[in-house]
All heavy atoms as atom14 arrays in JSON, in Angstrom:
{
  "sequence": "FINGHIYGAGVRSQFFDITGEHKKVLVVDDSIASGQAIQEAKKK",
  "atom14_mask": [
    [1, 1, 1, 1, 1, 1, 1, 1, 1, 1, 1, 0, 0, 0],
    [1, 1, 1, 1, 1, 1, 1, 1, 0, 0, 0, 0, 0, 0],
    [1, 1, 1, 1, 1, 1, 1, 1, 0, 0, 0, 0, 0, 0],
    [1, 1, 1, 1, 0, 0, 0, 0, 0, 0, 0, 0, 0, 0],
    [1, 1, 1, 1, 1, 1, 1, 1, 1, 1, 0, 0, 0, 0],
    [1, 1, 1, 1, 1, 1, 1, 1, 0, 0, 0, 0, 0, 0],
    [1, 1, 1, 1, 1, 1, 1, 1, 1, 1, 1, 1, 0, 0],
    [1, 1, 1, 1, 0, 0, 0, 0, 0, 0, 0, 0, 0, 0],
    [1, 1, 1, 1, 1, 0, 0, 0, 0, 0, 0, 0, 0, 0],
    [1, 1, 1, 1, 0, 0, 0, 0, 0, 0, 0, 0, 0, 0],
    [1, 1, 1, 1, 1, 1, 1, 0, 0, 0, 0, 0, 0, 0],
    [1, 1, 1, 1, 1, 1, 1, 1, 1, 1, 1, 0, 0, 0],
    [1, 1, 1, 1, 1, 1, 0, 0, 0, 0, 0, 0, 0, 0],
    [1, 1, 1, 1, 1, 1, 1, 1, 1, 0, 0, 0, 0, 0],
    [1, 1, 1, 1, 1, 1, 1, 1, 1, 1, 1, 0, 0, 0],
    [1, 1, 1, 1, 1, 1, 1, 1, 1, 1, 1, 0, 0, 0],
    [1, 1, 1, 1, 1, 1, 1, 1, 0, 0, 0, 0, 0, 0],
    [1, 1, 1, 1, 1, 1, 1, 1, 0, 0, 0, 0, 0, 0],
    [1, 1, 1, 1, 1, 1, 1, 0, 0, 0, 0, 0, 0, 0],
    [1, 1, 1, 1, 0, 0, 0, 0, 0, 0, 0, 0, 0, 0],
    [1, 1, 1, 1, 1, 1, 1, 1, 1, 0, 0, 0, 0, 0],
    [1, 1, 1, 1, 1, 1, 1, 1, 1, 1, 0, 0, 0, 0],
    [1, 1, 1, 1, 1, 1, 1, 1, 1, 0, 0, 0, 0, 0],
    [1, 1, 1, 1, 1, 1, 1, 1, 1, 0, 0, 0, 0, 0],
    [1, 1, 1, 1, 1, 1, 1, 0, 0, 0, 0, 0, 0, 0],
    [1, 1, 1, 1, 1, 1, 1, 1, 0, 0, 0, 0, 0, 0],
    [1, 1, 1, 1, 1, 1, 1, 0, 0, 0, 0, 0, 0, 0],
    [1, 1, 1, 1, 1, 1, 1, 0, 0, 0, 0, 0, 0, 0],
    [1, 1, 1, 1, 1, 1, 1, 1, 0, 0, 0, 0, 0, 0],
    [1, 1, 1, 1, 1, 1, 1, 1, 0, 0, 0, 0, 0, 0],
    [1, 1, 1, 1, 1, 1, 0, 0, 0, 0, 0, 0, 0, 0],
    [1, 1, 1, 1, 1, 1, 1, 1, 0, 0, 0, 0, 0, 0],
    [1, 1, 1, 1, 1, 0, 0, 0, 0, 0, 0, 0, 0, 0],
    [1, 1, 1, 1, 1, 1, 0, 0, 0, 0, 0, 0, 0, 0],
    [1, 1, 1, 1, 0, 0, 0, 0, 0, 0, 0, 0, 0, 0],
    [1, 1, 1, 1, 1, 1, 1, 1, 1, 0, 0, 0, 0, 0],
    [1, 1, 1, 1, 1, 0, 0, 0, 0, 0, 0, 0, 0, 0],
    [1, 1, 1, 1, 1, 1, 1, 1, 0, 0, 0, 0, 0, 0],
    [1, 1, 1, 1, 1, 1, 1, 1, 1, 0, 0, 0, 0, 0],
    [1, 1, 1, 1, 1, 1, 1, 1, 1, 0, 0, 0, 0, 0],
    [1, 1, 1, 1, 1, 0, 0, 0, 0, 0, 0, 0, 0, 0],
    [1, 1, 1, 1, 1, 1, 1, 1, 1, 0, 0, 0, 0, 0],
    [1, 1, 1, 1, 1, 1, 1, 1, 1, 0, 0, 0, 0, 0],
    [1, 1, 1, 1, 1, 1, 1, 1, 1, 0, 0, 0, 0, 0]
  ],
  "atom14_positions": [
    [[0.86, -1.18, 0.01], [0.02, 0.0, 0.0], [0.89, 1.27, 0.0], [0.65, 2.23, -0.72], [-0.93, -0.03, 1.22], [-1.63, 1.26, 1.44], [-2.48, 1.8, 0.51], [-1.56, 1.97, 2.68], [-3.17, 2.95, 0.7], [-2.19, 3.12, 2.87], [-3.08, 3.66, 1.9], [0.0, 0.0, 0.0], [0.0, 0.0, 0.0], [0.0, 0.0, 0.0]],
    [[1.89, 1.28, 0.82], [2.79, 2.41, 0.88], [3.44, 2.63, -0.47], [3.7, 3.78, -0.88], [3.85, 2.24, 2.02], [3.18, 2.24, 3.4], [4.92, 3.27, 1.93], [4.11, 1.92, 4.54], [0.0, 0.0, 0.0], [0.0, 0.0, 0.0], [0.0, 0.0, 0.0], [0.0, 0.0, 0.0], [0.0, 0.0, 0.0], [0.0, 0.0, 0.0]],
    [[3.71, 1.54, -1.18], [4.43, 1.61, -2.49], [3.4, 1.8, -3.66], [3.82, 1.73, -4.79], [5.25, 0.4, -2.68], [6.46, 0.39, -1.76], [7.04, 1.39, -1.42], [6.81, -0.8, -1.23], [0.0, 0.0, 0.0], [0.0, 0.0, 0.0], [0.0, 0.0, 0.0], [0.0, 0.0, 0.0], [0.0, 0.0, 0.0], [0.0, 0.0, 0.0]],
    [[2.1, 1.91, -3.32], [1.07, 2.12, -4.32], [0.74, 0.88, -5.12], [0.3, 0.93, -6.29], [0.0, 0.0, 0.0], [0.0, 0.0, 0.0], [0.0, 0.0, 0.0], [0.0, 0.0, 0.0], [0.0, 0.0, 0.0], [0.0, 0.0, 0.0], [0.0, 0.0, 0.0], [0.0, 0.0, 0.0], [0.0, 0.0, 0.0], [0.0, 0.0, 0.0]],
    [[0.85, -0.29, -4.46], [0.62, -1.56, -5.15], [-0.53, -2.25, -4.46], [-0.63, -2.43, -3.25], [1.87, -2.4, -5.01], [1.83, -3.75, -5.65], [1.3, -4.84, -4.95], [2.17, -4.18, -6.91], [1.35, -5.86, -5.78], [1.9, -5.51, -6.92], [0.0, 0.0, 0.0], [0.0, 0.0, 0.0], [0.0, 0.0, 0.0], [0.0, 0.0, 0.0]],
    [[-1.59, -2.74, -5.28], [-2.7, -3.47, -4.76], [-2.92, -4.7, -5.59], [-2.37, -4.86, -6.66], [-3.98, -2.61, -4.75], [-4.43, -2.25, -6.2], [-3.84, -1.38, -3.89], [-5.71, -1.6, -6.25], [0.0, 0.0, 0.0], [0.0, 0.0, 0.0], [0.0, 0.0, 0.0], [0.0, 0.0, 0.0], [0.0, 0.0, 0.0], [0.0, 0.0, 0.0]],
    [[-3.78, -5.63, -5.01], [-4.19, -6.79, -5.76], [-5.56, -6.55, -6.3], [-6.49, -6.43, -5.57], [-4.22, -8.07, -4.83], [-2.88, -8.24, -4.14], [-2.73, -7.91, -2.79], [-1.77, -8.8, -4.82], [-1.53, -8.11, -2.14], [-0.58, -9.0, -4.18], [-0.45, -8.66, -2.85], [0.76, -8.85, -2.19], [0.0, 0.0, 0.0], [0.0, 0.0, 0.0]],
    [[-5.62, -6.41, -7.64], [-6.9, -6.02, -8.22], [-7.7, -7.3, -8.64], [-7.11, -8.37, -8.89], [0.0, 0.0, 0.0], [0.0, 0.0, 0.0], [0.0, 0.0, 0.0], [0.0, 0.0, 0.0], [0.0, 0.0, 0.0], [0.0, 0.0, 0.0], [0.0, 0.0, 0.0], [0.0, 0.0, 0.0], [0.0, 0.0, 0.0], [0.0, 0.0, 0.0]],
    [[-9.01, -7.15, -8.8], [-9.8, -8.25, -9.26], [-9.5, -8.65, -10.64], [-9.41, -7.76, -11.58], [-11.33, -7.93, -9.09], [0.0, 0.0, 0.0], [0.0, 0.0, 0.0], [0.0, 0.0, 0.0], [0.0, 0.0, 0.0], [0.0, 0.0, 0.0], [0.0, 0.0, 0.0], [0.0, 0.0, 0.0], [0.0, 0.0, 0.0], [0.0, 0.0, 0.0]],
    [[-9.27, -9.89, -10.94], [-9.09, -10.35, -12.28], [-7.7, -10.27, -12.79], [-7.38, -10.75, -13.94], [0.0, 0.0, 0.0], [0.0, 0.0, 0.0], [0.0, 0.0, 0.0], [0.0, 0.0, 0.0], [0.0, 0.0, 0.0], [0.0, 0.0, 0.0], [0.0, 0.0, 0.0], [0.0, 0.0, 0.0], [0.0, 0.0, 0.0], [0.0, 0.0, 0.0]],
    [[-6.78, -9.63, -12.09], [-5.41, -9.47, -12.51], [-4.49, -9.81, -11.31], [-4.91, -9.77, -10.15], [-5.08, -8.06, -13.03], [-5.87, -7.77, -14.28], [-5.4, -7.08, -11.92], [0.0, 0.0, 0.0], [0.0, 0.0, 0.0], [0.0, 0.0, 0.0], [0.0, 0.0, 0.0], [0.0, 0.0, 0.0], [0.0, 0.0, 0.0], [0.0, 0.0, 0.0]],
    [[-3.29, -10.15, -11.62], [-2.33, -10.54, -10.55], [-2.06, -9.33, -9.62], [-2.08, -9.43, -8.38], [-1.07, -11.08, -11.11], [-0.07, -11.48, -10.1], [1.17, -12.09, -10.7], [0.83, -13.3, -11.4], [0.87, -14.51, -10.84], [1.19, -14.62, -9.57], [0.57, -15.6, -11.52], [0.0, 0.0, 0.0], [0.0, 0.0, 0.0], [0.0, 0.0, 0.0]],
    [[-1.83, -8.2, -10.15], [-1.54, -7.04, -9.33], [-1.67, -5.8, -10.22], [-1.72, -5.87, -11.46], [-0.1, -7.1, -8.77], [0.86, -7.1, -9.8], [0.0, 0.0, 0.0], [0.0, 0.0, 0.0], [0.0, 0.0, 0.0], [0.0, 0.0, 0.0], [0.0, 0.0, 0.0], [0.0, 0.0, 0.0], [0.0, 0.0, 0.0], [0.0, 0.0, 0.0]],
    [[-1.74, -4.65, -9.56], [-1.8, -3.37, -10.29], [-1.36, -2.29, -9.32], [-1.25, -2.43, -8.12], [-3.21, -3.1, -10.77], [-4.25, -2.92, -9.69], [-5.64, -2.81, -10.18], [-6.06, -3.63, -11.03], [-6.36, -1.75, -9.82], [0.0, 0.0, 0.0], [0.0, 0.0, 0.0], [0.0, 0.0, 0.0], [0.0, 0.0, 0.0], [0.0, 0.0, 0.0]],
    [[-1.02, -1.13, -9.9], [-0.6, 0.03, -9.13], [-1.71, 1.05, -9.19], [-2.51, 1.09, -10.04], [0.73, 0.6, -9.74], [1.88, -0.24, -9.51], [2.26, -1.26, -10.37], [2.71, -0.05, -8.34], [3.37, -2.04, -10.11], [3.82, -0.86, -8.09], [4.13, -1.85, -8.99], [0.0, 0.0, 0.0], [0.0, 0.0, 0.0], [0.0, 0.0, 0.0]],
    [[-1.75, 1.91, -8.14], [-2.73, 3.01, -8.1], [-2.06, 4.31, -7.83], [-0.97, 4.39, -7.26], [-3.83, 2.73, -7.05], [-3.31, 2.73, -5.62], [-3.3, 3.88, -4.88], [-2.81, 1.57, -5.0], [-2.84, 3.94, -3.57], [-2.39, 1.59, -3.7], [-2.39, 2.76, -2.96], [0.0, 0.0, 0.0], [0.0, 0.0, 0.0], [0.0, 0.0, 0.0]],
    [[-2.75, 5.3, -8.16], [-2.23, 6.69, -7.99], [-2.8, 7.23, -6.72], [-4.05, 7.19, -6.49], [-2.69, 7.59, -9.21], [-2.14, 9.01, -9.12], [-1.58, 9.36, -8.08], [-2.31, 9.71, -10.11], [0.0, 0.0, 0.0], [0.0, 0.0, 0.0], [0.0, 0.0, 0.0], [0.0, 0.0, 0.0], [0.0, 0.0, 0.0], [0.0, 0.0, 0.0]],
    [[-1.92, 7.76, -5.79], [-2.44, 8.24, -4.47], [-3.4, 9.4, -4.66], [-4.11, 9.75, -3.69], [-1.26, 8.63, -3.58], [-0.46, 9.81, -4.18], [-0.39, 7.47, -3.28], [0.56, 10.34, -3.16], [0.0, 0.0, 0.0], [0.0, 0.0, 0.0], [0.0, 0.0, 0.0], [0.0, 0.0, 0.0], [0.0, 0.0, 0.0], [0.0, 0.0, 0.0]],
    [[-3.43, 10.02, -5.77], [-4.35, 11.12, -6.03], [-5.63, 10.63, -6.65], [-6.57, 11.39, -6.95], [-3.76, 12.19, -6.98], [-3.47, 11.62, -8.21], [-2.43, 12.73, -6.34], [0.0, 0.0, 0.0], [0.0, 0.0, 0.0], [0.0, 0.0, 0.0], [0.0, 0.0, 0.0], [0.0, 0.0, 0.0], [0.0, 0.0, 0.0], [0.0, 0.0, 0.0]],
    [[-5.75, 9.26, -6.85], [-6.88, 8.73, -7.57], [-8.04, 8.36, -6.58], [-8.34, 9.04, -5.62], [0.0, 0.0, 0.0], [0.0, 0.0, 0.0], [0.0, 0.0, 0.0], [0.0, 0.0, 0.0], [0.0, 0.0, 0.0], [0.0, 0.0, 0.0], [0.0, 0.0, 0.0], [0.0, 0.0, 0.0], [0.0, 0.0, 0.0], [0.0, 0.0, 0.0]],
    [[-8.72, 7.25, -6.93], [-10.0, 6.9, -6.3], [-9.89, 6.16, -4.93], [-10.85, 6.14, -4.21], [-10.8, 6.02, -7.27], [-10.12, 4.75, -7.64], [-10.92, 3.92, -8.66], [-11.96, 4.43, -9.08], [-10.52, 2.81, -8.93], [0.0, 0.0, 0.0], [0.0, 0.0, 0.0], [0.0, 0.0, 0.0], [0.0, 0.0, 0.0], [0.0, 0.0, 0.0]],
    [[-8.75, 5.58, -4.63], [-8.6, 4.79, -3.43], [-8.36, 5.71, -2.22], [-7.17, 5.8, -1.75], [-7.55, 3.72, -3.54], [-7.84, 2.78, -4.61], [-7.39, 2.95, -5.94], [-8.57, 1.61, -4.65], [-7.79, 1.94, -6.63], [-8.51, 1.11, -5.92], [0.0, 0.0, 0.0], [0.0, 0.0, 0.0], [0.0, 0.0, 0.0], [0.0, 0.0, 0.0]],
    [[-9.36, 6.35, -1.68], [-9.17, 7.38, -0.68], [-9.46, 6.89, 0.7], [-8.79, 7.28, 1.71], [-10.03, 8.6, -1.01], [-9.48, 9.44, -2.15], [-8.09, 10.0, -1.77], [-7.58, 10.93, -2.88], [-6.22, 11.38, -2.56], [0.0, 0.0, 0.0], [0.0, 0.0, 0.0], [0.0, 0.0, 0.0], [0.0, 0.0, 0.0], [0.0, 0.0, 0.0]],
    [[-10.47, 6.02, 0.89], [-10.86, 5.55, 2.23], [-10.4, 4.15, 2.42], [-10.75, 3.24, 1.63], [-12.41, 5.67, 2.4], [-12.8, 5.33, 3.87], [-14.3, 5.63, 4.06], [-14.67, 5.4, 5.55], [-16.11, 5.59, 5.81], [0.0, 0.0, 0.0], [0.0, 0.0, 0.0], [0.0, 0.0, 0.0], [0.0, 0.0, 0.0], [0.0, 0.0, 0.0]],
    [[-9.54, 3.91, 3.43], [-8.8, 2.71, 3.6], [-9.11, 2.05, 4.92], [-9.09, 2.76, 5.95], [-7.27, 2.91, 3.45], [-6.51, 1.64, 3.68], [-6.98, 3.57, 2.08], [0.0, 0.0, 0.0], [0.0, 0.0, 0.0], [0.0, 0.0, 0.0], [0.0, 0.0, 0.0], [0.0, 0.0, 0.0], [0.0, 0.0, 0.0], [0.0, 0.0, 0.0]],
    [[-9.31, 0.74, 4.92], [-9.51, -0.05, 6.17], [-8.29, -0.94, 6.39], [-8.03, -1.8, 5.54], [-10.76, -0.86, 6.15], [-11.07, -1.69, 7.38], [-11.43, -0.7, 8.54], [-12.25, -2.66, 7.13], [0.0, 0.0, 0.0], [0.0, 0.0, 0.0], [0.0, 0.0, 0.0], [0.0, 0.0, 0.0], [0.0, 0.0, 0.0], [0.0, 0.0, 0.0]],
    [[-7.61, -0.73, 7.49], [-6.44, -1.52, 7.8], [-6.87, -2.63, 8.79], [-7.53, -2.32, 9.81], [-5.32, -0.67, 8.44], [-4.12, -1.61, 8.81], [-4.88, 0.39, 7.42], [0.0, 0.0, 0.0], [0.0, 0.0, 0.0], [0.0, 0.0, 0.0], [0.0, 0.0, 0.0], [0.0, 0.0, 0.0], [0.0, 0.0, 0.0], [0.0, 0.0, 0.0]],
    [[-6.6, -3.9, 8.48], [-7.11, -5.0, 9.19], [-6.02, -5.86, 9.83], [-5.05, -6.22, 9.19], [-7.96, -5.87, 8.25], [-8.55, -7.11, 8.95], [-9.07, -5.04, 7.59], [0.0, 0.0, 0.0], [0.0, 0.0, 0.0], [0.0, 0.0, 0.0], [0.0, 0.0, 0.0], [0.0, 0.0, 0.0], [0.0, 0.0, 0.0], [0.0, 0.0, 0.0]],
    [[-6.26, -6.34, 11.1], [-5.46, -7.34, 11.73], [-6.42, -8.41, 12.27], [-7.65, -8.15, 12.46], [-4.58, -6.8, 12.82], [-3.32, -7.66, 13.02], [-3.22, -8.68, 12.38], [-2.51, -7.29, 13.86], [0.0, 0.0, 0.0], [0.0, 0.0, 0.0], [0.0, 0.0, 0.0], [0.0, 0.0, 0.0], [0.0, 0.0, 0.0], [0.0, 0.0, 0.0]],
    [[-5.88, -9.63, 12.44], [-6.77, -10.68, 12.96], [-7.14, -10.45, 14.42], [-8.27, -10.75, 14.84], [-6.12, -12.06, 12.8], [-4.81, -12.24, 13.65], [-4.12, -11.24, 13.85], [-4.53, -13.38, 14.03], [0.0, 0.0, 0.0], [0.0, 0.0, 0.0], [0.0, 0.0, 0.0], [0.0, 0.0, 0.0], [0.0, 0.0, 0.0], [0.0, 0.0, 0.0]],
    [[-6.19, -9.92, 15.21], [-6.44, -9.78, 16.63], [-5.58, -8.69, 17.34], [-4.59, -8.3, 16.7], [-6.23, -11.11, 17.36], [-4.8, -11.48, 17.21], [0.0, 0.0, 0.0], [0.0, 0.0, 0.0], [0.0, 0.0, 0.0], [0.0, 0.0, 0.0], [0.0, 0.0, 0.0], [0.0, 0.0, 0.0], [0.0, 0.0, 0.0], [0.0, 0.0, 0.0]],
    [[-5.98, -8.32, 18.47], [-5.16, -7.41, 19.29], [-5.03, -8.09, 20.69], [-5.98, -8.44, 21.3], [-5.85, -6.07, 19.46], [-5.96, -5.3, 18.08], [-5.09, -5.17, 20.44], [-6.67, -3.96, 18.21], [0.0, 0.0, 0.0], [0.0, 0.0, 0.0], [0.0, 0.0, 0.0], [0.0, 0.0, 0.0], [0.0, 0.0, 0.0], [0.0, 0.0, 0.0]],
    [[-3.76, -8.17, 21.1], [-3.51, -8.63, 22.49], [-2.84, -7.51, 23.26], [-3.51, -6.75, 23.96], [-2.6, -9.88, 22.43], [0.0, 0.0, 0.0], [0.0, 0.0, 0.0], [0.0, 0.0, 0.0], [0.0, 0.0, 0.0], [0.0, 0.0, 0.0], [0.0, 0.0, 0.0], [0.0, 0.0, 0.0], [0.0, 0.0, 0.0], [0.0, 0.0, 0.0]],
    [[-1.6, -7.28, 23.0], [-0.94, -6.13, 23.71], [-1.2, -4.8, 23.0], [-1.18, -3.74, 23.61], [0.61, -6.35, 23.71], [1.11, -6.34, 22.4], [0.0, 0.0, 0.0], [0.0, 0.0, 0.0], [0.0, 0.0, 0.0], [0.0, 0.0, 0.0], [0.0, 0.0, 0.0], [0.0, 0.0, 0.0], [0.0, 0.0, 0.0], [0.0, 0.0, 0.0]],
    [[-1.51, -4.95, 21.68], [-1.73, -3.72, 20.86], [-0.52, -3.23, 20.13], [-0.56, -2.2, 19.36], [0.0, 0.0, 0.0], [0.0, 0.0, 0.0], [0.0, 0.0, 0.0], [0.0, 0.0, 0.0], [0.0, 0.0, 0.0], [0.0, 0.0, 0.0], [0.0, 0.0, 0.0], [0.0, 0.0, 0.0], [0.0, 0.0, 0.0], [0.0, 0.0, 0.0]],
    [[0.62, -3.94, 20.3], [1.88, -3.49, 19.77], [1.79, -3.48, 18.2], [2.26, -2.51, 17.56], [2.99, -4.35, 20.19], [4.39, -3.95, 19.64], [5.52, -4.84, 20.18], [5.3, -5.65, 21.08], [6.69, -4.68, 19.58], [0.0, 0.0, 0.0], [0.0, 0.0, 0.0], [0.0, 0.0, 0.0], [0.0, 0.0, 0.0], [0.0, 0.0, 0.0]],
    [[1.24, -4.56, 17.64], [1.23, -4.65, 16.16], [0.38, -3.51, 15.54], [0.76, -2.9, 14.5], [0.64, -6.01, 15.76], [0.0, 0.0, 0.0], [0.0, 0.0, 0.0], [0.0, 0.0, 0.0], [0.0, 0.0, 0.0], [0.0, 0.0, 0.0], [0.0, 0.0, 0.0], [0.0, 0.0, 0.0], [0.0, 0.0, 0.0], [0.0, 0.0, 0.0]],
    [[-0.76, -3.19, 16.14], [-1.64, -2.17, 15.6], [-0.96, -0.81, 15.73], [-1.09, 0.1, 14.87], [-2.99, -2.19, 16.15], [-4.04, -1.55, 15.23], [-3.08, -1.63, 17.53], [-4.43, -2.4, 14.06], [0.0, 0.0, 0.0], [0.0, 0.0, 0.0], [0.0, 0.0, 0.0], [0.0, 0.0, 0.0], [0.0, 0.0, 0.0], [0.0, 0.0, 0.0]],
    [[-0.27, -0.62, 16.84], [0.44, 0.66, 17.02], [1.54, 0.82, 16.06], [1.77, 1.97, 15.55], [1.01, 0.75, 18.46], [-0.1, 0.71, 19.56], [-0.8, 2.02, 19.72], [-0.89, 2.82, 18.81], [-1.39, 2.22, 20.9], [0.0, 0.0, 0.0], [0.0, 0.0, 0.0], [0.0, 0.0, 0.0], [0.0, 0.0, 0.0], [0.0, 0.0, 0.0]],
    [[2.27, -0.24, 15.76], [3.33, -0.16, 14.79], [2.79, 0.13, 13.41], [3.38, 0.84, 12.59], [4.16, -1.49, 14.76], [4.98, -1.68, 16.01], [5.74, -2.98, 16.02], [5.51, -3.82, 15.07], [6.55, -3.25, 16.97], [0.0, 0.0, 0.0], [0.0, 0.0, 0.0], [0.0, 0.0, 0.0], [0.0, 0.0, 0.0], [0.0, 0.0, 0.0]],
    [[1.61, -0.47, 13.1], [0.96, -0.23, 11.76], [0.59, 1.25, 11.68], [0.75, 1.86, 10.6], [-0.25, -1.13, 11.64], [0.0, 0.0, 0.0], [0.0, 0.0, 0.0], [0.0, 0.0, 0.0], [0.0, 0.0, 0.0], [0.0, 0.0, 0.0], [0.0, 0.0, 0.0], [0.0, 0.0, 0.0], [0.0, 0.0, 0.0], [0.0, 0.0, 0.0]],
    [[0.02, 1.85, 12.75], [-0.34, 3.25, 12.71], [0.84, 4.11, 12.5], [0.83, 5.12, 11.74], [-1.05, 3.62, 13.99], [-2.49, 2.96, 14.12], [-3.13, 3.34, 15.46], [-4.48, 2.77, 15.54], [-5.15, 3.13, 16.85], [0.0, 0.0, 0.0], [0.0, 0.0, 0.0], [0.0, 0.0, 0.0], [0.0, 0.0, 0.0], [0.0, 0.0, 0.0]],
    [[1.95, 3.82, 13.14], [3.2, 4.56, 13.02], [3.76, 4.48, 11.62], [4.17, 5.49, 10.99], [4.21, 4.08, 13.99], [5.48, 4.86, 14.02], [6.48, 4.32, 15.06], [7.77, 5.11, 15.05], [8.74, 4.61, 16.07], [0.0, 0.0, 0.0], [0.0, 0.0, 0.0], [0.0, 0.0, 0.0], [0.0, 0.0, 0.0], [0.0, 0.0, 0.0]],
    [[3.68, 3.29, 10.99], [4.2, 3.1, 9.69], [3.31, 3.83, 8.65], [3.85, 4.24, 7.61], [4.14, 1.55, 9.39], [5.06, 1.12, 8.29], [5.21, -0.34, 8.26], [6.25, -0.81, 7.26], [6.47, -2.28, 7.23], [0.0, 0.0, 0.0], [0.0, 0.0, 0.0], [0.0, 0.0, 0.0], [0.0, 0.0, 0.0], [0.0, 0.0, 0.0]]
  ]
}
């Protein structure tokens, strides 16, 4: 995502323009225990 690379439907991969249509993003993890992983993701 940081490098502008996504997995698109019907193709192996594709790039997107940060000024384009992908504006609202949901970042997902399976679980939170200590919260360290989600905090590192937010920082990144």
